[in-house]
Amino acid sequence: MPLTMNQTQIKLTHFRKSFNIPSDFIRSTCKVLNLEILKVGDEPVIPLRNQILQKDNDTILLYAFIESKLTGKIETTKRKEFNEKELNKCAEETSQKRNSYILIEDAPAKTTIIKKPKEAIDISSSSDLDLRREDFITMLAEVVSRSVATQSKSILNTQEELHNAMEKKWFLTNEQLGTLLGMSKSTIGSKPDGWVRMGFRYSKTKEGTMTLWKVSQYQT
């Protein structure tokens, strides 16, 4: 079906890269929210405005991502019972970056519906979700800080990020570690347990079928 004149869309690939959101999370959350993903050319898109909720979909998706990072679930997003103060914080962040991922159609364009994935991520719910405002703001700040343009990063950014992951005892995916080290995720996945680079050692562990890496610093 054609897009209507001047209908504003979110280019999902550009959007998720702006905030470092995994593509599987975007697809699963769109499914939860009953947002139909269309394609304009090769670009997956959804409408910017959610007419049912009377809110912008990029703000809702960022809110859901922060909520999942903080709690492991998207309970308030599922129930559509948003914390308005935190939603407004997300709205401020998306409005600053929106020009990099919106698409405004000036004429009808051919679109196709992307088939919904058979196996979407199971984002479980919890009845005792209690989002703390300070934690939410902190998490939002961390996500936004990771999307800063490359030219503004310190020349020691890689070491800083690795040291940060080590201090916070984070486990990194192949894709995350590959991004930090400038390597493909397949190359990272083929590395042995305990390999070293840039002054850090990387210990391999498994979480189900997923390979994760624990970062530690070593002395030569």
Protein backbone atom coordinates (compact mmCIF):
# COMPACT_ATOMS: atom_id res chain seq x y z
CA MET A 1 0.00 0.00 0.00
CA PRO A 2 1.27 3.50 -0.72
CA LEU A 3 2.38 5.96 1.92
CA THR A 4 0.25 9.06 2.17
CA MET A 5 1.54 12.45 1.12
CA ASN A 6 4.09 13.92 3.53
CA GLN A 7 3.76 10.97 5.94
CA THR A 8 6.72 10.97 8.28
CA GLN A 9 8.37 7.59 8.84
CA ILE A 10 11.13 6.29 11.10
CA LYS A 11 13.97 4.58 9.23
CA LEU A 12 14.50 1.76 11.71
CA THR A 13 18.05 0.86 10.71
CA HIS A 14 19.21 4.46 11.15
CA PHE A 15 17.19 4.84 14.34
CA ARG A 16 18.59 1.80 16.13
CA LYS A 17 22.16 2.70 15.14
CA SER A 18 21.64 6.17 16.59
CA PHE A 19 20.98 4.61 19.99
CA ASN A 20 22.85 1.28 19.65
CA ILE A 21 19.67 -0.80 19.87
CA PRO A 22 19.80 -4.42 18.56
CA SER A 23 17.64 -5.12 15.51
CA ASP A 24 15.98 -8.15 17.18
CA PHE A 25 14.82 -5.94 20.04
CA ILE A 26 13.31 -3.43 17.59
CA ARG A 27 11.41 -6.13 15.72
CA SER A 28 10.14 -7.83 18.89
CA THR A 29 9.06 -4.58 20.50
CA CYS A 30 7.24 -3.50 17.34
CA LYS A 31 5.41 -6.82 17.45
CA VAL A 32 4.46 -6.27 21.11
CA LEU A 33 3.15 -2.80 20.24
CA ASN A 34 1.37 -4.04 17.09
CA LEU A 35 3.50 -1.76 14.91
CA GLU A 36 3.58 -3.07 11.37
CA ILE A 37 7.03 -2.73 9.81
CA LEU A 38 6.91 -1.65 6.16
CA LYS A 39 9.64 -1.25 3.59
CA VAL A 40 10.32 1.79 1.44
CA GLY A 41 12.84 0.53 -1.08
CA ASP A 42 15.21 -1.51 1.08
CA GLU A 43 14.58 0.54 4.21
CA PRO A 44 12.37 -0.88 7.00
CA VAL A 45 10.15 1.88 8.38
CA ILE A 46 7.32 2.52 10.83
CA PRO A 47 5.21 5.69 11.20
CA LEU A 48 6.69 8.36 13.43
CA ARG A 49 3.37 9.14 15.10
CA ASN A 50 1.46 6.50 17.04
CA GLN A 51 -2.13 7.58 16.47
CA ILE A 52 -3.54 5.22 19.10
CA LEU A 53 -1.21 6.29 21.90
CA GLN A 54 -0.82 9.86 20.63
CA LYS A 55 2.93 9.62 21.15
CA ASP A 56 5.94 9.31 18.84
CA ASN A 57 7.06 5.76 18.14
CA ASP A 58 10.79 6.54 18.32
CA THR A 59 10.28 7.85 21.86
CA ILE A 60 8.32 4.72 22.81
CA LEU A 61 10.99 2.40 21.38
CA LEU A 62 13.79 4.22 23.21
CA TYR A 63 11.75 4.12 26.43
CA ALA A 64 11.24 0.35 26.00
CA PHE A 65 14.97 -0.18 25.36
CA ILE A 66 15.99 1.75 28.48
CA GLU A 67 13.38 -0.12 30.51
CA SER A 68 14.67 -3.49 29.25
CA LYS A 69 18.29 -2.53 30.00
CA LEU A 70 17.30 -1.52 33.52
CA THR A 71 14.89 -4.33 34.41
CA GLY A 72 15.26 -7.04 31.75
CA LYS A 73 11.60 -6.52 30.87
CA ILE A 74 9.34 -3.97 29.19
CA GLU A 75 6.36 -4.25 31.50
CA THR A 76 5.23 -0.61 31.55
CA THR A 77 5.67 -0.44 27.77
CA LYS A 78 3.52 -3.55 27.32
CA ARG A 79 0.82 -2.12 29.54
CA LYS A 80 1.23 1.28 27.89
CA GLU A 81 1.47 2.78 31.37
CA PHE A 82 4.46 4.99 30.76
CA ASN A 83 6.29 6.99 33.40
CA GLU A 84 5.63 10.38 31.86
CA LYS A 85 8.72 12.05 33.32
CA GLU A 86 11.01 9.38 31.91
CA LEU A 87 9.09 9.33 28.62
CA ASN A 88 9.69 13.07 28.35
CA LYS A 89 13.43 12.47 28.87
CA CYS A 90 13.36 10.01 25.97
CA ALA A 91 11.40 12.50 23.88
CA GLU A 92 14.12 15.11 24.41
CA GLU A 93 16.83 12.67 23.26
CA THR A 94 14.95 11.47 20.18
CA SER A 95 14.08 15.03 19.13
CA GLN A 96 17.79 15.89 19.09
CA LYS A 97 18.67 12.99 16.78
CA ARG A 98 15.46 12.67 14.76
CA ASN A 99 16.77 14.43 11.65
CA SER A 100 19.23 11.56 11.13
CA TYR A 101 16.58 8.86 10.84
CA ILE A 102 13.24 10.29 9.68
CA LEU A 103 11.87 9.86 6.18
CA ILE A 104 9.27 12.26 4.81
CA GLU A 105 7.54 11.00 1.67
CA ASP A 106 6.53 13.80 -0.68
CA ALA A 107 4.81 11.40 -3.06
CA PRO A 108 3.32 7.89 -2.86
CA ALA A 109 6.02 5.26 -2.62
CA LYS A 110 5.81 1.52 -3.01
CA THR A 111 5.94 -0.26 0.30
CA THR A 112 5.94 -3.89 1.33
CA ILE A 113 5.12 -5.52 4.65
CA ILE A 114 7.98 -7.28 6.34
CA LYS A 115 6.92 -10.69 7.57
CA LYS A 116 6.80 -10.77 11.32
CA PRO A 117 9.52 -13.05 12.75
CA LYS A 118 8.31 -16.48 13.83
CA GLU A 119 10.65 -16.48 16.79
CA ALA A 120 10.63 -13.06 18.36
CA ILE A 121 12.47 -12.37 21.57
CA ASP A 122 10.31 -13.29 24.56
CA ILE A 123 10.23 -10.14 26.64
CA SER A 124 8.70 -11.46 29.86
CA SER A 125 6.54 -9.44 32.16
CA SER A 126 6.67 -8.81 35.88
CA SER A 127 4.01 -7.56 38.24
CA ASP A 128 6.47 -5.99 40.68
CA LEU A 129 8.26 -3.65 38.27
CA ASP A 130 9.39 -0.51 40.06
CA LEU A 131 11.38 1.89 37.90
CA ARG A 132 13.50 4.23 39.95
CA ARG A 133 13.84 7.66 38.41
CA GLU A 134 17.56 8.07 39.15
CA ASP A 135 18.45 4.67 37.66
CA PHE A 136 16.37 5.38 34.57
CA ILE A 137 18.07 8.71 33.95
CA THR A 138 21.50 7.14 34.47
CA MET A 139 20.75 4.36 31.99
CA LEU A 140 19.40 6.85 29.46
CA ALA A 141 22.55 8.92 29.77
CA GLU A 142 24.73 5.85 29.14
CA VAL A 143 22.82 4.86 26.02
CA VAL A 144 22.93 8.37 24.57
CA SER A 145 26.62 8.81 25.38
CA ARG A 146 27.44 5.74 23.28
CA SER A 147 25.89 7.32 20.21
CA VAL A 148 28.20 10.36 20.20
CA ALA A 149 29.80 11.00 16.80
CA THR A 150 33.16 9.36 16.17
CA GLN A 151 34.97 12.65 15.65
CA SER A 152 34.17 13.76 19.16
CA LYS A 153 35.56 10.63 20.79
CA SER A 154 38.85 10.54 22.62
CA ILE A 155 41.74 8.81 20.85
CA LEU A 156 41.77 6.49 23.87
CA ASN A 157 38.06 5.78 23.53
CA THR A 158 38.56 2.05 22.92
CA GLN A 159 40.67 1.59 26.04
CA GLU A 160 38.24 3.71 28.05
CA GLU A 161 35.28 1.61 26.93
CA LEU A 162 37.11 -1.66 27.63
CA HIS A 163 38.16 -0.42 31.06
CA ASN A 164 34.59 0.67 31.73
CA ALA A 165 33.28 -2.79 30.78
CA MET A 166 35.89 -4.38 33.04
CA GLU A 167 35.06 -2.17 36.03
CA LYS A 168 31.31 -2.72 35.66
CA LYS A 169 31.86 -6.47 35.11
CA TRP A 170 29.88 -6.42 31.91
CA PHE A 171 29.85 -9.40 29.54
CA LEU A 172 30.11 -8.27 25.91
CA THR A 173 28.64 -9.96 22.84
CA ASN A 174 30.71 -10.76 19.75
CA GLU A 175 29.18 -7.74 18.01
CA GLN A 176 29.85 -5.35 20.90
CA LEU A 177 33.45 -6.44 21.35
CA GLY A 178 34.00 -6.39 17.59
CA THR A 179 32.70 -2.82 17.40
CA LEU A 180 35.12 -1.71 20.13
CA LEU A 181 38.11 -3.43 18.53
CA GLY A 182 37.26 -2.74 14.88
CA MET A 183 36.77 -6.43 14.07
CA SER A 184 33.86 -8.41 12.65
CA LYS A 185 31.67 -10.36 15.03
CA SER A 186 32.56 -13.60 13.21
CA THR A 187 36.26 -12.94 13.80
CA ILE A 188 35.58 -12.27 17.47
CA GLY A 189 33.50 -15.44 17.70
CA SER A 190 36.39 -17.54 16.37
CA LYS A 191 38.84 -16.26 19.00
CA PRO A 192 39.99 -18.66 21.74
CA ASP A 193 39.39 -18.20 25.43
CA GLY A 194 41.95 -15.88 27.01
CA TRP A 195 43.14 -14.04 23.89
CA VAL A 196 44.58 -10.55 24.36
CA ARG A 197 44.57 -7.24 22.54
CA MET A 198 45.20 -3.60 23.47
CA GLY A 199 46.26 -4.46 27.01
CA PHE A 200 43.16 -6.50 27.88
CA ARG A 201 42.42 -10.21 28.13
CA TYR A 202 39.12 -11.66 26.92
CA SER A 203 37.64 -14.70 28.65
CA LYS A 204 34.97 -16.64 26.77
CA THR A 205 31.77 -17.86 28.38
CA LYS A 206 28.45 -19.20 27.14
CA GLU A 207 24.95 -18.05 27.95
CA GLY A 208 22.80 -20.61 26.23
CA THR A 209 23.87 -20.48 22.60
CA MET A 210 25.27 -16.95 22.93
CA THR A 211 29.00 -16.33 23.28
CA LEU A 212 29.93 -13.61 25.76
CA TRP A 213 33.29 -12.10 26.71
CA LYS A 214 34.55 -10.95 30.11
CA VAL A 215 37.19 -8.21 29.91
CA SER A 216 40.16 -8.06 32.28
CA GLN A 217 43.42 -6.11 32.26
CA TYR A 218 46.73 -7.90 32.31
CA GLN A 219 50.28 -6.87 33.15
CA THR A 220 53.11 -7.59 30.70
